[in-house]
Amino acid sequence: MSFDYFEHDADIGVIGRGATLEDAFEGAAAAMFAIMVDAAQVKPLVQFAFSFAEGDVELALVTWLNRLLAEARQRDLVLGRFSLMRTDGQWQGAAWGAPWDANMERGTEVKGATLTMLRVGQIDGVWEARCVVDV
């Protein structure tokens, strides 16, 4: 799994790549939270899990990212580790993180994942999941 960012006009996008679709989604989540905080500062102290149903993989990416943001906000957490599995359109996600700490250097707040430049697919045998996030 790997992740990256891209700039499009005044927007920031996230890209996750991996051997599997799920790895790419996990990478996109890591990229999104890395915009907000240095992942090295996040200890996996708290874990939560959730599921969602979505048959379209592109919409599933946006749902996954927005659900992670909502769960993190509700729990006042910053996240640094992710796990996702898919079976017949049903997705099982988990994330690990820590409560926001005054010692953590905050980056740019991500408000949500958007449909802008949304793309999920394989490139040269590697899965890639990308979209622009609202900051």
N, C-alpha and C. Protein backbone atom coordinates (compact mmCIF):
# COMPACT_ATOMS: atom_id res chain seq x y z
N MET A 1 0.85 -1.17 0.00
CA MET A 1 0.00 0.00 0.00
C MET A 1 0.89 1.24 0.00
N SER A 2 0.49 2.23 -0.78
CA SER A 2 1.19 3.51 -0.78
C SER A 2 0.15 4.60 -0.97
N PHE A 3 0.56 5.82 -0.67
CA PHE A 3 -0.36 6.94 -0.85
C PHE A 3 0.39 8.17 -1.29
N ASP A 4 -0.38 9.10 -1.82
CA ASP A 4 0.19 10.34 -2.32
C ASP A 4 -0.92 11.40 -2.34
N TYR A 5 -0.54 12.62 -2.67
CA TYR A 5 -1.49 13.73 -2.82
C TYR A 5 -1.33 14.29 -4.21
N PHE A 6 -2.30 15.05 -4.65
CA PHE A 6 -2.14 15.81 -5.87
C PHE A 6 -2.91 17.11 -5.72
N GLU A 7 -2.49 18.11 -6.48
CA GLU A 7 -3.17 19.39 -6.46
C GLU A 7 -3.89 19.57 -7.79
N HIS A 8 -5.12 20.06 -7.69
CA HIS A 8 -5.92 20.34 -8.87
C HIS A 8 -6.56 21.71 -8.64
N ASP A 9 -6.07 22.71 -9.36
CA ASP A 9 -6.49 24.10 -9.13
C ASP A 9 -6.21 24.43 -7.66
N ALA A 10 -7.23 24.78 -6.89
CA ALA A 10 -7.03 25.12 -5.48
C ALA A 10 -7.38 23.94 -4.57
N ASP A 11 -7.61 22.78 -5.16
CA ASP A 11 -8.04 21.61 -4.39
C ASP A 11 -6.87 20.66 -4.12
N ILE A 12 -7.09 19.80 -3.13
CA ILE A 12 -6.13 18.75 -2.80
C ILE A 12 -6.81 17.41 -3.06
N GLY A 13 -6.09 16.52 -3.67
CA GLY A 13 -6.62 15.18 -3.91
C GLY A 13 -5.78 14.15 -3.20
N VAL A 14 -6.38 12.99 -2.98
CA VAL A 14 -5.68 11.87 -2.35
C VAL A 14 -5.63 10.71 -3.33
N ILE A 15 -4.55 9.95 -3.25
CA ILE A 15 -4.38 8.77 -4.09
C ILE A 15 -3.88 7.64 -3.21
N GLY A 16 -4.57 6.51 -3.30
CA GLY A 16 -4.09 5.30 -2.65
C GLY A 16 -3.78 4.27 -3.71
N ARG A 17 -2.71 3.52 -3.52
CA ARG A 17 -2.33 2.46 -4.46
C ARG A 17 -2.05 1.18 -3.69
N GLY A 18 -2.34 0.05 -4.35
CA GLY A 18 -2.05 -1.21 -3.70
C GLY A 18 -2.27 -2.40 -4.60
N ALA A 19 -1.87 -3.56 -4.09
CA ALA A 19 -2.02 -4.80 -4.85
C ALA A 19 -3.48 -5.20 -4.99
N THR A 20 -4.31 -4.75 -4.04
CA THR A 20 -5.74 -5.05 -4.08
C THR A 20 -6.53 -3.75 -4.03
N LEU A 21 -7.78 -3.85 -4.38
CA LEU A 21 -8.68 -2.69 -4.28
C LEU A 21 -8.72 -2.18 -2.84
N GLU A 22 -8.82 -3.09 -1.90
CA GLU A 22 -8.89 -2.69 -0.49
C GLU A 22 -7.61 -1.98 -0.05
N ASP A 23 -6.44 -2.46 -0.51
CA ASP A 23 -5.18 -1.79 -0.20
C ASP A 23 -5.19 -0.35 -0.71
N ALA A 24 -5.71 -0.15 -1.92
CA ALA A 24 -5.77 1.19 -2.50
C ALA A 24 -6.68 2.10 -1.67
N PHE A 25 -7.82 1.57 -1.21
CA PHE A 25 -8.72 2.35 -0.35
C PHE A 25 -8.04 2.70 0.96
N GLU A 26 -7.32 1.76 1.55
CA GLU A 26 -6.60 2.02 2.79
C GLU A 26 -5.55 3.11 2.57
N GLY A 27 -4.87 3.06 1.42
CA GLY A 27 -3.89 4.09 1.09
C GLY A 27 -4.53 5.46 0.93
N ALA A 28 -5.70 5.53 0.31
CA ALA A 28 -6.40 6.81 0.16
C ALA A 28 -6.77 7.37 1.54
N ALA A 29 -7.18 6.50 2.45
CA ALA A 29 -7.51 6.93 3.81
C ALA A 29 -6.26 7.46 4.51
N ALA A 30 -5.14 6.76 4.35
CA ALA A 30 -3.89 7.21 4.96
C ALA A 30 -3.48 8.57 4.40
N ALA A 31 -3.66 8.76 3.10
CA ALA A 31 -3.32 10.06 2.48
C ALA A 31 -4.20 11.16 3.04
N MET A 32 -5.49 10.88 3.18
CA MET A 32 -6.43 11.89 3.67
C MET A 32 -6.08 12.32 5.09
N PHE A 33 -5.80 11.38 5.97
CA PHE A 33 -5.47 11.74 7.34
C PHE A 33 -4.08 12.34 7.47
N ALA A 34 -3.17 12.00 6.54
CA ALA A 34 -1.83 12.60 6.55
C ALA A 34 -1.87 14.09 6.20
N ILE A 35 -2.93 14.53 5.54
CA ILE A 35 -3.10 15.96 5.28
C ILE A 35 -3.35 16.69 6.61
N MET A 36 -3.98 16.00 7.54
CA MET A 36 -4.37 16.61 8.81
C MET A 36 -3.32 16.50 9.91
N VAL A 37 -2.50 15.45 9.85
CA VAL A 37 -1.51 15.24 10.91
C VAL A 37 -0.43 14.28 10.40
N ASP A 38 0.76 14.41 10.90
CA ASP A 38 1.84 13.49 10.57
C ASP A 38 1.50 12.12 11.15
N ALA A 39 1.39 11.12 10.28
CA ALA A 39 0.98 9.78 10.71
C ALA A 39 1.91 9.19 11.75
N ALA A 40 3.17 9.61 11.77
CA ALA A 40 4.13 9.11 12.76
C ALA A 40 3.73 9.52 14.19
N GLN A 41 2.93 10.57 14.31
CA GLN A 41 2.48 11.03 15.63
C GLN A 41 1.28 10.26 16.15
N VAL A 42 0.66 9.43 15.31
CA VAL A 42 -0.59 8.76 15.67
C VAL A 42 -0.31 7.35 16.16
N LYS A 43 -0.60 7.11 17.42
CA LYS A 43 -0.46 5.77 18.00
C LYS A 43 -1.80 5.05 17.91
N PRO A 44 -1.80 3.76 17.61
CA PRO A 44 -3.06 3.02 17.50
C PRO A 44 -3.64 2.64 18.87
N LEU A 45 -4.14 3.63 19.60
CA LEU A 45 -4.65 3.41 20.95
C LEU A 45 -6.13 3.02 20.98
N VAL A 46 -6.87 3.49 19.98
CA VAL A 46 -8.31 3.26 19.92
C VAL A 46 -8.65 2.63 18.58
N GLN A 47 -9.50 1.61 18.60
CA GLN A 47 -9.92 0.95 17.37
C GLN A 47 -11.43 0.95 17.30
N PHE A 48 -11.97 1.13 16.10
CA PHE A 48 -13.41 0.99 15.90
C PHE A 48 -13.64 0.33 14.55
N ALA A 49 -14.82 -0.25 14.39
CA ALA A 49 -15.16 -0.94 13.14
C ALA A 49 -16.56 -0.51 12.71
N PHE A 50 -16.81 -0.63 11.42
CA PHE A 50 -18.12 -0.31 10.87
C PHE A 50 -18.28 -1.04 9.54
N SER A 51 -19.49 -1.09 9.06
CA SER A 51 -19.74 -1.70 7.75
C SER A 51 -20.64 -0.77 6.94
N PHE A 52 -20.60 -0.95 5.63
CA PHE A 52 -21.50 -0.22 4.75
C PHE A 52 -21.69 -1.03 3.48
N ALA A 53 -22.77 -0.76 2.80
CA ALA A 53 -23.09 -1.46 1.56
C ALA A 53 -22.98 -0.48 0.40
N GLU A 54 -22.23 -0.86 -0.63
CA GLU A 54 -22.14 -0.05 -1.84
C GLU A 54 -21.58 -0.93 -2.95
N GLY A 55 -22.35 -1.08 -4.01
CA GLY A 55 -21.94 -1.92 -5.13
C GLY A 55 -21.00 -1.25 -6.10
N ASP A 56 -21.05 0.08 -6.20
CA ASP A 56 -20.20 0.84 -7.11
C ASP A 56 -18.88 1.16 -6.39
N VAL A 57 -17.75 0.71 -6.93
CA VAL A 57 -16.48 0.88 -6.22
C VAL A 57 -16.07 2.35 -6.09
N GLU A 58 -16.40 3.18 -7.06
CA GLU A 58 -16.04 4.59 -6.95
C GLU A 58 -16.84 5.26 -5.84
N LEU A 59 -18.13 5.01 -5.79
CA LEU A 59 -18.94 5.57 -4.69
C LEU A 59 -18.53 4.97 -3.36
N ALA A 60 -18.08 3.72 -3.37
CA ALA A 60 -17.61 3.09 -2.13
C ALA A 60 -16.39 3.83 -1.58
N LEU A 61 -15.51 4.31 -2.46
CA LEU A 61 -14.35 5.06 -1.98
C LEU A 61 -14.78 6.32 -1.24
N VAL A 62 -15.69 7.07 -1.82
CA VAL A 62 -16.16 8.30 -1.19
C VAL A 62 -16.89 7.97 0.13
N THR A 63 -17.69 6.93 0.12
CA THR A 63 -18.39 6.51 1.34
C THR A 63 -17.40 6.13 2.42
N TRP A 64 -16.40 5.33 2.08
CA TRP A 64 -15.36 4.90 3.02
C TRP A 64 -14.65 6.10 3.64
N LEU A 65 -14.18 7.01 2.81
CA LEU A 65 -13.44 8.16 3.32
C LEU A 65 -14.31 9.06 4.19
N ASN A 66 -15.54 9.33 3.74
CA ASN A 66 -16.42 10.20 4.53
C ASN A 66 -16.86 9.53 5.83
N ARG A 67 -17.04 8.23 5.79
CA ARG A 67 -17.40 7.53 7.02
C ARG A 67 -16.25 7.57 8.04
N LEU A 68 -15.02 7.41 7.56
CA LEU A 68 -13.87 7.52 8.45
C LEU A 68 -13.79 8.91 9.08
N LEU A 69 -14.00 9.93 8.27
CA LEU A 69 -13.99 11.30 8.82
C LEU A 69 -15.08 11.49 9.87
N ALA A 70 -16.28 11.01 9.58
CA ALA A 70 -17.40 11.17 10.52
C ALA A 70 -17.13 10.43 11.82
N GLU A 71 -16.65 9.20 11.72
CA GLU A 71 -16.37 8.41 12.92
C GLU A 71 -15.25 9.05 13.73
N ALA A 72 -14.22 9.55 13.06
CA ALA A 72 -13.10 10.19 13.76
C ALA A 72 -13.57 11.46 14.47
N ARG A 73 -14.39 12.25 13.80
CA ARG A 73 -14.90 13.49 14.42
C ARG A 73 -15.78 13.18 15.63
N GLN A 74 -16.65 12.19 15.47
CA GLN A 74 -17.56 11.83 16.55
C GLN A 74 -16.78 11.39 17.78
N ARG A 75 -15.66 10.72 17.58
CA ARG A 75 -14.86 10.19 18.69
C ARG A 75 -13.69 11.11 19.07
N ASP A 76 -13.54 12.24 18.37
CA ASP A 76 -12.43 13.18 18.57
C ASP A 76 -11.08 12.47 18.44
N LEU A 77 -10.95 11.70 17.36
CA LEU A 77 -9.74 10.93 17.10
C LEU A 77 -9.05 11.41 15.84
N VAL A 78 -7.77 11.15 15.80
CA VAL A 78 -7.01 11.23 14.56
C VAL A 78 -6.62 9.79 14.24
N LEU A 79 -6.72 9.44 12.98
CA LEU A 79 -6.53 8.04 12.58
C LEU A 79 -5.22 7.86 11.82
N GLY A 80 -4.63 6.68 11.98
CA GLY A 80 -3.37 6.42 11.32
C GLY A 80 -3.22 5.04 10.71
N ARG A 81 -4.17 4.13 11.02
CA ARG A 81 -4.11 2.77 10.48
C ARG A 81 -5.50 2.34 10.06
N PHE A 82 -5.58 1.61 8.93
CA PHE A 82 -6.88 1.28 8.35
C PHE A 82 -6.90 -0.14 7.83
N SER A 83 -8.09 -0.73 7.86
CA SER A 83 -8.29 -2.07 7.31
C SER A 83 -9.66 -2.11 6.64
N LEU A 84 -9.73 -2.74 5.47
CA LEU A 84 -10.99 -2.82 4.75
C LEU A 84 -11.08 -4.15 4.03
N MET A 85 -12.25 -4.77 4.11
CA MET A 85 -12.52 -6.01 3.38
C MET A 85 -13.86 -5.87 2.68
N ARG A 86 -13.98 -6.52 1.52
CA ARG A 86 -15.21 -6.43 0.74
C ARG A 86 -15.70 -7.82 0.35
N THR A 87 -17.00 -8.03 0.53
CA THR A 87 -17.64 -9.27 0.12
C THR A 87 -19.00 -8.94 -0.47
N ASP A 88 -19.17 -9.16 -1.77
CA ASP A 88 -20.46 -8.97 -2.44
C ASP A 88 -21.10 -7.61 -2.17
N GLY A 89 -20.34 -6.54 -2.32
CA GLY A 89 -20.89 -5.20 -2.13
C GLY A 89 -21.00 -4.76 -0.68
N GLN A 90 -20.68 -5.63 0.25
CA GLN A 90 -20.68 -5.29 1.68
C GLN A 90 -19.23 -5.05 2.11
N TRP A 91 -18.99 -3.93 2.70
CA TRP A 91 -17.64 -3.52 3.10
C TRP A 91 -17.54 -3.54 4.62
N GLN A 92 -16.46 -4.10 5.13
CA GLN A 92 -16.17 -4.13 6.57
C GLN A 92 -14.90 -3.33 6.80
N GLY A 93 -15.04 -2.21 7.49
CA GLY A 93 -13.89 -1.34 7.72
C GLY A 93 -13.52 -1.26 9.17
N ALA A 94 -12.25 -0.97 9.41
CA ALA A 94 -11.76 -0.74 10.77
C ALA A 94 -10.68 0.33 10.69
N ALA A 95 -10.52 1.03 11.79
CA ALA A 95 -9.49 2.07 11.85
C ALA A 95 -8.95 2.15 13.27
N TRP A 96 -7.69 2.58 13.36
CA TRP A 96 -7.03 2.74 14.64
C TRP A 96 -6.48 4.16 14.71
N GLY A 97 -6.51 4.72 15.89
CA GLY A 97 -6.00 6.07 16.05
C GLY A 97 -5.87 6.43 17.51
N ALA A 98 -5.81 7.73 17.75
CA ALA A 98 -5.62 8.25 19.10
C ALA A 98 -6.40 9.54 19.24
N PRO A 99 -6.73 9.89 20.48
CA PRO A 99 -7.36 11.19 20.70
C PRO A 99 -6.41 12.31 20.26
N TRP A 100 -7.01 13.39 19.75
CA TRP A 100 -6.19 14.55 19.40
C TRP A 100 -5.44 14.99 20.64
N ASP A 101 -4.19 15.33 20.46
CA ASP A 101 -3.31 15.71 21.56
C ASP A 101 -2.77 17.12 21.25
N ALA A 102 -2.63 17.93 22.27
CA ALA A 102 -2.12 19.28 22.07
C ALA A 102 -0.72 19.28 21.47
N ASN A 103 0.02 18.20 21.66
CA ASN A 103 1.38 18.11 21.12
C ASN A 103 1.41 17.74 19.64
N MET A 104 0.28 17.32 19.10
CA MET A 104 0.23 16.96 17.68
C MET A 104 0.16 18.22 16.84
N GLU A 105 1.03 18.30 15.85
CA GLU A 105 1.00 19.44 14.95
C GLU A 105 -0.10 19.20 13.92
N ARG A 106 -1.10 20.06 13.96
CA ARG A 106 -2.24 19.92 13.05
C ARG A 106 -1.92 20.51 11.69
N GLY A 107 -2.33 19.76 10.67
CA GLY A 107 -2.18 20.23 9.30
C GLY A 107 -3.47 20.88 8.85
N THR A 108 -3.86 20.60 7.63
CA THR A 108 -5.07 21.16 7.05
C THR A 108 -6.25 20.25 7.33
N GLU A 109 -7.34 20.80 7.83
CA GLU A 109 -8.53 20.00 8.12
C GLU A 109 -9.20 19.56 6.82
N VAL A 110 -9.51 18.29 6.74
CA VAL A 110 -10.27 17.75 5.61
C VAL A 110 -11.72 17.66 6.04
N LYS A 111 -12.60 18.29 5.27
CA LYS A 111 -14.03 18.30 5.61
C LYS A 111 -14.77 17.11 5.00
N GLY A 112 -14.31 16.64 3.84
CA GLY A 112 -14.99 15.52 3.23
C GLY A 112 -14.38 15.13 1.90
N ALA A 113 -14.66 13.90 1.49
CA ALA A 113 -14.26 13.41 0.18
C ALA A 113 -15.35 13.77 -0.82
N THR A 114 -14.95 14.09 -2.04
CA THR A 114 -15.90 14.54 -3.06
C THR A 114 -15.89 13.61 -4.27
N LEU A 115 -16.80 13.87 -5.18
CA LEU A 115 -16.86 13.12 -6.43
C LEU A 115 -15.93 13.70 -7.50
N THR A 116 -15.29 14.82 -7.19
CA THR A 116 -14.40 15.47 -8.15
C THR A 116 -13.18 14.60 -8.41
N MET A 117 -12.88 14.38 -9.67
CA MET A 117 -11.75 13.57 -10.12
C MET A 117 -11.75 12.16 -9.51
N LEU A 118 -12.93 11.67 -9.20
CA LEU A 118 -13.08 10.35 -8.61
C LEU A 118 -12.72 9.29 -9.64
N ARG A 119 -11.82 8.39 -9.25
CA ARG A 119 -11.43 7.31 -10.14
C ARG A 119 -10.91 6.14 -9.31
N VAL A 120 -11.40 4.96 -9.62
CA VAL A 120 -10.91 3.72 -9.02
C VAL A 120 -10.69 2.73 -10.14
N GLY A 121 -9.51 2.19 -10.23
CA GLY A 121 -9.21 1.21 -11.27
C GLY A 121 -7.79 0.73 -11.19
N GLN A 122 -7.45 -0.15 -12.12
CA GLN A 122 -6.10 -0.69 -12.17
C GLN A 122 -5.27 0.01 -13.23
N ILE A 123 -4.03 0.29 -12.87
CA ILE A 123 -3.07 0.87 -13.80
C ILE A 123 -1.83 0.00 -13.73
N ASP A 124 -1.51 -0.65 -14.84
CA ASP A 124 -0.35 -1.55 -14.90
C ASP A 124 -0.38 -2.59 -13.78
N GLY A 125 -1.55 -3.13 -13.50
CA GLY A 125 -1.69 -4.19 -12.51
C GLY A 125 -1.75 -3.74 -11.06
N VAL A 126 -1.71 -2.42 -10.84
CA VAL A 126 -1.79 -1.87 -9.49
C VAL A 126 -3.11 -1.13 -9.34
N TRP A 127 -3.81 -1.39 -8.25
CA TRP A 127 -5.07 -0.67 -8.00
C TRP A 127 -4.76 0.75 -7.55
N GLU A 128 -5.56 1.68 -8.06
CA GLU A 128 -5.43 3.08 -7.67
C GLU A 128 -6.81 3.63 -7.35
N ALA A 129 -6.91 4.35 -6.23
CA ALA A 129 -8.15 4.99 -5.81
C ALA A 129 -7.84 6.45 -5.52
N ARG A 130 -8.58 7.35 -6.19
CA ARG A 130 -8.28 8.78 -6.03
C ARG A 130 -9.53 9.61 -6.05
N CYS A 131 -9.47 10.74 -5.37
CA CYS A 131 -10.52 11.76 -5.43
C CYS A 131 -10.00 13.03 -4.80
N VAL A 132 -10.70 14.11 -5.05
CA VAL A 132 -10.40 15.40 -4.42
C VAL A 132 -11.12 15.44 -3.08
N VAL A 133 -10.46 16.01 -2.09
CA VAL A 133 -11.08 16.19 -0.78
C VAL A 133 -11.33 17.67 -0.55
N ASP A 134 -12.39 17.96 0.18
CA ASP A 134 -12.76 19.33 0.51
C ASP A 134 -12.00 19.73 1.77
N VAL A 135 -11.22 20.81 1.67
CA VAL A 135 -10.44 21.28 2.83
C VAL A 135 -10.91 22.65 3.25
